[in-house]
């Protein structure tokens, strides 16, 4: 990790020049997460022409700034296997893409989703091999069910963070078994047991779920139940994906639930996938101290599979929409310096009302600059 390397270097120089020093206070640890990543599908001709690094050029600075960064890898990395006969949409990506994924700053791929098995067991095994050889972490899939449910643990400055990932999507044939590679299914009892076990062993727990309904901005009842169950059993952060659109966030019992971050760099020209978010959370002194989101334009007719941060007017329009999605959870976005927005519990204060009115006004002013929807002019 960049931070660990920097600290070790400084400590070594101090010992050489002036002798032993007292260890410096630990710095906050940041984790960045994005939603669905697919460098195939409609993106295949673009990355073939511009390279697999192309989709990350406008966001990699934020990925690399984090101590840990993860994405949901929505396709197997393989040239083998047979296409699943009963699926309308199947994807795969050349294993060469893994080098660009790592170079962009990612440390971990979650694989518990409804596409990792599109090309059967060979595709899953090739993906595991490619990620392992590249030194990237894996969560949510494995060569058997025990491996699929096992946490991936990252240690930063003696703080250990466990990552668990589950699929609550079909087909169930992708689920791992005792002697079969596949994904970790998100059965409630198993999820609760895994989180409780991880919480006893590690300092923090982050859980990813592939869940919900596609193109739905509101989470389903089971998402809310499962997300809260995860926090109740010891998770600090819940990351959701699969709907391909944004859903709201919930500050819950000291934790945070991102119900859906939407797409990231995803090979589709869908008219529904317009905006998305990059989540960033901070840990300090054993606690989750901040949750944030970076607004992104992911409308591929405009950005051509290269997510771009939304700033100024379009960012306020994003915040207005996101607050609407999060209103049922008494959660809202808060302005702060830089492109990330804070995610806070609504206090119903006069300041909150004033900020909501300002967001509405700025959002309306920026309506011509919002990411375009069907029939609208791109900005």
Protein backbone atom coordinates (compact mmCIF):
# COMPACT_ATOMS: atom_id res chain seq x y z
CA UNK A 1 0.00 0.00 0.00
CA UNK A 2 1.17 3.52 -0.75
CA UNK A 3 0.67 4.73 2.81
CA UNK A 4 2.48 1.78 4.41
CA UNK A 5 5.44 2.11 2.05
CA UNK A 6 5.72 5.83 2.79
CA UNK A 7 5.69 5.30 6.55
CA UNK A 8 8.27 2.54 6.44
CA UNK A 9 10.57 4.69 4.34
CA UNK A 10 10.31 7.65 6.71
CA UNK A 11 10.93 5.46 9.75
CA UNK A 12 14.04 3.90 8.18
CA UNK A 13 15.53 7.30 7.37
CA UNK A 14 14.87 8.54 10.89
CA UNK A 15 16.72 5.60 12.43
CA UNK A 16 19.70 6.06 10.14
CA UNK A 17 20.01 9.81 10.67
CA UNK A 18 19.05 10.48 14.27
CA UNK A 19 18.32 7.19 15.96
CA UNK A 20 15.02 5.69 17.13
CA UNK A 21 11.90 7.87 17.31
CA UNK A 22 8.55 7.31 18.92
CA UNK A 23 6.07 5.92 16.42
CA UNK A 24 3.80 8.52 14.85
CA UNK A 25 0.06 8.43 15.54
CA UNK A 26 -1.82 6.22 13.10
CA UNK A 27 -3.46 8.10 10.24
CA UNK A 28 -7.07 7.50 9.18
CA UNK A 29 -7.49 4.65 6.70
CA UNK A 30 -9.52 5.19 3.53
CA UNK A 31 -11.36 2.62 1.45
CA UNK A 32 -12.82 3.40 -1.98
CA UNK A 33 -15.43 1.26 -3.72
CA UNK A 34 -17.12 1.46 -7.11
CA UNK A 35 -19.97 -0.50 -8.61
CA UNK A 36 -20.10 -2.74 -11.66
CA UNK A 37 -16.94 -3.02 -13.77
CA UNK A 38 -17.22 -4.58 -17.24
CA UNK A 39 -14.46 -3.98 -19.77
CA UNK A 40 -16.28 -6.07 -22.36
CA UNK A 41 -19.69 -5.95 -24.00
CA UNK A 42 -20.18 -2.68 -25.87
CA UNK A 43 -16.90 -1.40 -24.42
CA UNK A 44 -14.86 -4.09 -26.18
CA UNK A 45 -14.16 -2.10 -29.39
CA UNK A 46 -13.22 0.98 -27.36
CA UNK A 47 -10.72 -0.76 -25.09
CA UNK A 48 -9.34 -2.68 -28.06
CA UNK A 49 -8.60 0.64 -29.74
CA UNK A 50 -7.60 2.72 -26.68
CA UNK A 51 -6.33 0.07 -24.26
CA UNK A 52 -7.68 -1.38 -21.04
CA UNK A 53 -6.28 1.57 -19.05
CA UNK A 54 -8.50 4.04 -20.94
CA UNK A 55 -11.65 3.71 -18.74
CA UNK A 56 -9.75 4.64 -15.56
CA UNK A 57 -7.92 7.78 -16.68
CA UNK A 58 -10.43 10.27 -15.26
CA UNK A 59 -10.94 8.52 -11.91
CA UNK A 60 -7.70 6.69 -11.12
CA UNK A 61 -6.37 9.59 -9.04
CA UNK A 62 -9.13 8.95 -6.49
CA UNK A 63 -8.62 5.20 -6.64
CA UNK A 64 -4.89 5.50 -6.06
CA UNK A 65 -5.32 7.97 -3.20
CA UNK A 66 -7.18 5.34 -1.17
CA UNK A 67 -5.44 2.83 1.06
CA UNK A 68 -7.71 0.09 -0.32
CA UNK A 69 -9.83 0.16 -3.48
CA UNK A 70 -12.33 -2.40 -4.73
CA UNK A 71 -14.77 -2.95 -7.58
CA UNK A 72 -17.34 -5.54 -8.58
CA UNK A 73 -15.82 -7.43 -11.53
CA UNK A 74 -18.88 -8.18 -13.65
CA UNK A 75 -17.37 -10.69 -16.08
CA UNK A 76 -14.92 -13.59 -16.06
CA UNK A 77 -11.37 -12.99 -17.25
CA UNK A 78 -11.06 -15.85 -19.70
CA UNK A 79 -10.88 -17.04 -23.28
CA UNK A 80 -12.14 -20.52 -22.37
CA UNK A 81 -15.46 -22.11 -21.60
CA UNK A 82 -18.86 -22.33 -23.23
CA UNK A 83 -21.40 -19.54 -23.09
CA UNK A 84 -24.21 -20.18 -20.61
CA UNK A 85 -27.07 -21.56 -22.74
CA UNK A 86 -29.94 -20.02 -20.76
CA UNK A 87 -28.75 -16.43 -20.35
CA UNK A 88 -29.62 -13.51 -22.62
CA UNK A 89 -26.54 -11.49 -21.68
CA UNK A 90 -23.18 -13.17 -21.28
CA UNK A 91 -19.82 -11.46 -20.98
CA UNK A 92 -16.15 -12.24 -20.78
CA UNK A 93 -12.99 -10.14 -20.85
CA UNK A 94 -9.42 -11.05 -21.87
CA UNK A 95 -7.12 -11.80 -18.95
CA UNK A 96 -4.86 -9.00 -20.22
CA UNK A 97 -7.28 -6.54 -18.61
CA UNK A 98 -6.07 -7.45 -15.13
CA UNK A 99 -2.84 -5.47 -15.54
CA UNK A 100 -4.77 -2.25 -16.23
CA UNK A 101 -7.13 -2.91 -13.34
CA UNK A 102 -4.20 -3.22 -10.97
CA UNK A 103 -2.36 -0.25 -12.48
CA UNK A 104 -5.46 1.91 -11.91
CA UNK A 105 -5.01 1.35 -8.18
CA UNK A 106 -7.46 -1.42 -7.38
CA UNK A 107 -6.51 -3.90 -4.67
CA UNK A 108 -9.53 -6.17 -4.55
CA UNK A 109 -12.21 -7.52 -6.88
CA UNK A 110 -15.55 -8.78 -5.63
CA UNK A 111 -16.77 -11.67 -7.77
CA UNK A 112 -20.11 -12.57 -6.19
CA UNK A 113 -22.38 -11.61 -9.08
CA UNK A 114 -24.59 -12.98 -11.84
CA UNK A 115 -21.97 -12.87 -14.64
CA UNK A 116 -18.79 -14.39 -13.21
CA UNK A 117 -20.06 -17.83 -14.28
CA UNK A 118 -21.15 -16.83 -17.79
CA UNK A 119 -18.51 -19.14 -19.28
CA UNK A 120 -18.78 -21.94 -16.78
CA UNK A 121 -16.25 -23.28 -14.33
CA UNK A 122 -13.29 -22.69 -16.69
CA UNK A 123 -14.12 -18.99 -16.74
CA UNK A 124 -14.33 -18.79 -12.95
CA UNK A 125 -11.06 -20.67 -12.48
CA UNK A 126 -9.26 -18.55 -15.07
CA UNK A 127 -10.47 -15.41 -13.29
CA UNK A 128 -9.24 -16.64 -9.92
CA UNK A 129 -5.87 -17.55 -11.45
CA UNK A 130 -5.48 -14.21 -13.24
CA UNK A 131 -6.30 -12.14 -10.16
CA UNK A 132 -4.06 -14.22 -7.90
CA UNK A 133 -1.12 -13.99 -10.30
CA UNK A 134 -1.56 -10.21 -10.44
CA UNK A 135 -1.59 -9.96 -6.66
CA UNK A 136 -5.16 -8.71 -6.50
CA UNK A 137 -7.45 -9.73 -3.68
CA UNK A 138 -10.58 -11.81 -4.28
CA UNK A 139 -13.85 -11.75 -2.37
CA UNK A 140 -17.12 -13.58 -2.92
CA UNK A 141 -15.98 -16.45 -5.15
CA UNK A 142 -13.62 -19.37 -4.86
CA UNK A 143 -12.77 -22.90 -5.86
CA UNK A 144 -15.33 -24.18 -3.35
CA UNK A 145 -17.94 -22.77 -0.99
CA UNK A 146 -15.52 -22.44 1.92
CA UNK A 147 -13.18 -20.28 -0.15
CA UNK A 148 -16.06 -18.26 -1.60
CA UNK A 149 -17.36 -17.35 1.86
CA UNK A 150 -13.93 -16.70 3.37
CA UNK A 151 -13.02 -13.07 4.09
CA UNK A 152 -10.24 -11.34 2.23
CA UNK A 153 -8.21 -9.46 4.83
CA UNK A 154 -6.07 -6.38 4.22
CA UNK A 155 -3.81 -4.96 6.93
CA UNK A 156 -2.90 -1.27 6.95
CA UNK A 157 -0.78 0.11 9.80
CA UNK A 158 -1.69 -2.90 11.98
CA UNK A 159 -5.41 -2.38 11.33
CA UNK A 160 -7.03 -5.42 9.74
CA UNK A 161 -10.06 -4.98 7.49
CA UNK A 162 -12.09 -8.01 6.38
CA UNK A 163 -14.01 -8.01 3.08
CA UNK A 164 -16.95 -10.36 2.52
CA UNK A 165 -19.07 -10.52 -0.65
CA UNK A 166 -22.30 -12.26 -1.55
CA UNK A 167 -24.59 -12.72 -4.55
CA UNK A 168 -28.35 -12.47 -4.13
CA UNK A 169 -28.95 -12.86 -7.86
CA UNK A 170 -29.70 -15.71 -10.25
CA UNK A 171 -28.73 -18.15 -11.61
CA UNK A 172 -28.25 -20.25 -8.50
CA UNK A 173 -26.11 -22.59 -10.59
CA UNK A 174 -23.31 -20.04 -10.15
CA UNK A 175 -23.25 -20.64 -6.38
CA UNK A 176 -20.21 -22.50 -5.12
CA UNK A 177 -20.53 -25.89 -3.44
CA UNK A 178 -18.30 -28.19 -1.44
CA UNK A 179 -16.47 -29.41 -4.55
CA UNK A 180 -17.56 -26.81 -7.12
CA UNK A 181 -16.17 -23.33 -7.86
CA UNK A 182 -18.55 -20.42 -7.80
CA UNK A 183 -19.93 -17.51 -5.82
CA UNK A 184 -20.97 -17.04 -2.20
CA UNK A 185 -24.79 -16.95 -1.94
CA UNK A 186 -26.22 -14.31 0.38
CA UNK A 187 -28.36 -16.49 2.62
CA UNK A 188 -29.26 -14.44 5.67
CA UNK A 189 -28.10 -16.92 8.31
CA UNK A 190 -24.78 -17.56 6.55
CA UNK A 191 -24.15 -13.84 6.09
CA UNK A 192 -24.82 -13.15 9.76
CA UNK A 193 -22.58 -16.01 10.89
CA UNK A 194 -19.72 -14.99 8.58
CA UNK A 195 -19.85 -11.37 9.74
CA UNK A 196 -19.94 -12.28 13.43
CA UNK A 197 -16.94 -14.55 12.98
CA UNK A 198 -15.01 -11.90 11.05
CA UNK A 199 -15.84 -9.22 13.61
CA UNK A 200 -14.28 -11.29 16.38
CA UNK A 201 -11.04 -11.66 14.43
CA UNK A 202 -10.59 -8.34 12.64
CA UNK A 203 -10.88 -4.63 13.35
CA UNK A 204 -13.37 -3.72 10.63
CA UNK A 205 -15.73 -5.57 8.29
CA UNK A 206 -16.92 -4.39 4.87
CA UNK A 207 -19.62 -6.43 3.12
CA UNK A 208 -20.61 -6.27 -0.56
CA UNK A 209 -23.92 -7.52 -1.92
CA UNK A 210 -24.95 -8.06 -5.53
CA UNK A 211 -28.67 -7.55 -5.06
CA UNK A 212 -31.83 -5.67 -5.92
CA UNK A 213 -33.75 -5.03 -9.10
CA UNK A 214 -32.17 -3.71 -12.27
CA UNK A 215 -32.98 -0.09 -13.15
CA UNK A 216 -34.70 0.42 -9.77
CA UNK A 217 -33.73 3.50 -7.75
CA UNK A 218 -35.46 2.14 -4.65
CA UNK A 219 -34.06 -0.87 -2.77
CA UNK A 220 -36.27 -3.88 -2.28
CA UNK A 221 -37.42 -4.79 1.20
CA UNK A 222 -34.97 -7.67 1.46
CA UNK A 223 -32.06 -5.35 0.65
CA UNK A 224 -32.95 -3.13 3.59
CA UNK A 225 -33.40 -6.15 5.84
CA UNK A 226 -30.14 -7.76 4.76
CA UNK A 227 -28.14 -4.54 4.84
CA UNK A 228 -29.26 -3.77 8.37
CA UNK A 229 -28.69 -7.37 9.42
CA UNK A 230 -25.09 -7.00 8.24
CA UNK A 231 -24.58 -3.88 10.37
CA UNK A 232 -26.37 -5.47 13.35
CA UNK A 233 -23.96 -8.41 13.24
CA UNK A 234 -20.80 -6.32 13.11
CA UNK A 235 -20.27 -4.88 9.63
CA UNK A 236 -19.15 -1.27 9.41
CA UNK A 237 -19.96 -0.72 5.74
CA UNK A 238 -22.30 -2.33 3.21
CA UNK A 239 -21.65 -1.84 -0.52
CA UNK A 240 -24.43 -2.67 -2.98
CA UNK A 241 -24.45 -3.16 -6.74
CA UNK A 242 -26.35 -4.90 -9.56
CA UNK A 243 -29.24 -2.46 -10.27
CA UNK A 244 -26.97 -0.51 -12.72
CA UNK A 245 -28.48 2.70 -11.33
CA UNK A 246 -28.08 4.64 -8.12
CA UNK A 247 -30.01 3.84 -4.99
CA UNK A 248 -29.83 5.84 -1.78
CA UNK A 249 -27.63 5.45 1.26
CA UNK A 250 -28.50 4.89 4.90
CA UNK A 251 -26.53 5.87 8.00
CA UNK A 252 -27.52 3.06 10.35
CA UNK A 253 -26.29 2.44 13.91
CA UNK A 254 -22.88 3.97 13.30
CA UNK A 255 -22.44 2.20 9.96
CA UNK A 256 -23.37 3.05 6.39
CA UNK A 257 -25.28 1.16 3.71
CA UNK A 258 -24.76 2.14 0.07
CA UNK A 259 -27.75 0.35 -1.45
CA UNK A 260 -26.42 0.66 -5.02
CA UNK A 261 -23.48 2.58 -6.41
CA UNK A 262 -24.66 2.00 -9.97
CA UNK A 263 -22.33 1.22 -12.85
CA UNK A 264 -18.68 2.19 -13.01
CA UNK A 265 -16.89 1.51 -16.29
CA UNK A 266 -19.51 -0.80 -17.75
CA UNK A 267 -19.83 -2.01 -21.33
CA UNK A 268 -23.38 -0.95 -22.05
CA UNK A 269 -25.09 1.98 -23.77
CA UNK A 270 -28.08 1.75 -21.46
CA UNK A 271 -30.22 4.89 -21.35
CA UNK A 272 -30.95 4.15 -17.69
CA UNK A 273 -27.37 4.21 -16.41
CA UNK A 274 -26.75 7.95 -16.23
CA UNK A 275 -25.11 8.74 -12.89
CA UNK A 276 -23.26 6.61 -10.37
CA UNK A 277 -21.17 6.99 -7.26
CA UNK A 278 -17.72 6.19 -5.94
CA UNK A 279 -17.96 5.41 -2.24
CA UNK A 280 -15.21 6.42 0.16
CA UNK A 281 -15.13 5.59 3.86
CA UNK A 282 -12.64 6.47 6.57
CA UNK A 283 -11.63 4.50 9.67
CA UNK A 284 -9.82 5.99 12.65
CA UNK A 285 -9.27 4.80 16.22
CA UNK A 286 -11.34 1.68 15.65
CA UNK A 287 -14.38 3.47 14.25
CA UNK A 288 -15.98 4.41 10.96
CA UNK A 289 -15.56 8.19 11.12
CA UNK A 290 -16.76 9.34 7.71
CA UNK A 291 -18.74 8.10 4.71
CA UNK A 292 -18.63 9.90 1.37
CA UNK A 293 -19.63 9.63 -2.27
CA UNK A 294 -18.13 11.06 -5.46
CA UNK A 295 -20.80 11.82 -8.10
CA UNK A 296 -19.98 10.30 -11.50
CA UNK A 297 -21.28 10.65 -15.03
CA UNK A 298 -21.51 7.12 -16.47
CA UNK A 299 -23.79 7.86 -19.44
CA UNK A 300 -21.70 6.06 -22.03
CA UNK A 301 -23.17 7.82 -25.05
CA UNK A 302 -21.45 10.85 -23.56
CA UNK A 303 -18.42 9.54 -21.61
CA UNK A 304 -17.63 6.51 -23.81
CA UNK A 305 -16.95 4.05 -20.96
CA UNK A 306 -14.73 6.50 -19.07
CA UNK A 307 -16.58 7.61 -15.89
CA UNK A 308 -16.13 11.30 -15.18
CA UNK A 309 -16.59 13.14 -11.87
CA UNK A 310 -19.53 15.53 -11.75
CA UNK A 311 -18.64 19.00 -10.51
CA UNK A 312 -20.42 22.30 -9.88
CA UNK A 313 -24.00 22.42 -11.16
CA UNK A 314 -24.23 18.77 -12.23
CA UNK A 315 -22.92 17.71 -8.81
CA UNK A 316 -25.71 19.66 -7.10
CA UNK A 317 -28.24 18.01 -9.40
CA UNK A 318 -26.77 14.63 -8.42
CA UNK A 319 -27.05 15.55 -4.73
CA UNK A 320 -30.67 16.59 -5.17
CA UNK A 321 -31.52 13.24 -6.76
CA UNK A 322 -29.47 11.23 -4.26
CA UNK A 323 -31.14 12.98 -1.34
CA UNK A 324 -34.48 11.99 -2.81
CA UNK A 325 -33.40 8.35 -2.95
CA UNK A 326 -32.11 8.54 0.65
CA UNK A 327 -34.96 10.52 2.18
CA UNK A 328 -36.74 7.42 3.48
CA UNK A 329 -33.61 6.61 5.49
CA UNK A 330 -33.28 10.10 7.04
CA UNK A 331 -29.92 10.36 5.30
CA UNK A 332 -28.61 13.10 3.05
CA UNK A 333 -25.52 14.47 1.36
CA UNK A 334 -23.51 17.26 2.93
CA UNK A 335 -21.27 19.69 1.08
CA UNK A 336 -17.60 19.62 1.96
CA UNK A 337 -14.34 20.73 0.32
CA UNK A 338 -13.37 18.74 -2.76
CA UNK A 339 -15.45 16.64 -5.14
CA UNK A 340 -16.66 14.09 -2.56
CA UNK A 341 -19.86 14.73 -0.61
CA UNK A 342 -20.37 13.58 2.97
CA UNK A 343 -23.18 11.14 3.81
CA UNK A 344 -24.82 12.12 7.09
CA UNK A 345 -27.86 11.40 9.20
CA UNK A 346 -30.59 13.99 8.71
CA UNK A 347 -30.98 16.18 11.79
CA UNK A 348 -33.96 18.23 10.57
CA UNK A 349 -32.15 21.42 11.52
CA UNK A 350 -32.66 24.83 9.95
CA UNK A 351 -29.29 24.39 8.26
CA UNK A 352 -30.49 21.14 6.68
CA UNK A 353 -33.63 22.82 5.36
CA UNK A 354 -31.61 25.72 3.98
CA UNK A 355 -29.15 23.34 2.32
CA UNK A 356 -31.99 21.31 0.80
CA UNK A 357 -33.49 24.48 -0.67
CA UNK A 358 -30.09 25.47 -2.05
CA UNK A 359 -29.61 22.04 -3.61
CA UNK A 360 -33.01 22.30 -5.23
CA UNK A 361 -32.26 25.76 -6.59
CA UNK A 362 -28.81 24.85 -7.88
CA UNK A 363 -30.11 21.58 -9.28
CA UNK A 364 -32.80 23.42 -11.22
CA UNK A 365 -30.25 25.95 -12.43
CA UNK A 366 -28.07 23.06 -13.57
CA UNK A 367 -30.85 21.16 -15.32
CA UNK A 368 -29.31 21.89 -18.71
CA UNK A 369 -26.02 20.44 -17.46
CA UNK A 370 -27.29 17.21 -15.98
CA UNK A 371 -26.17 13.94 -17.52
CA UNK A 372 -28.57 13.49 -20.44
CA UNK A 373 -31.53 11.19 -20.38
CA UNK A 374 -33.28 9.70 -23.35
CA UNK A 375 -34.19 12.39 -25.82
CA UNK A 376 -32.09 15.07 -24.14
CA UNK A 377 -29.02 16.81 -25.46
CA UNK A 378 -25.74 15.54 -23.96
CA UNK A 379 -23.76 18.07 -21.97
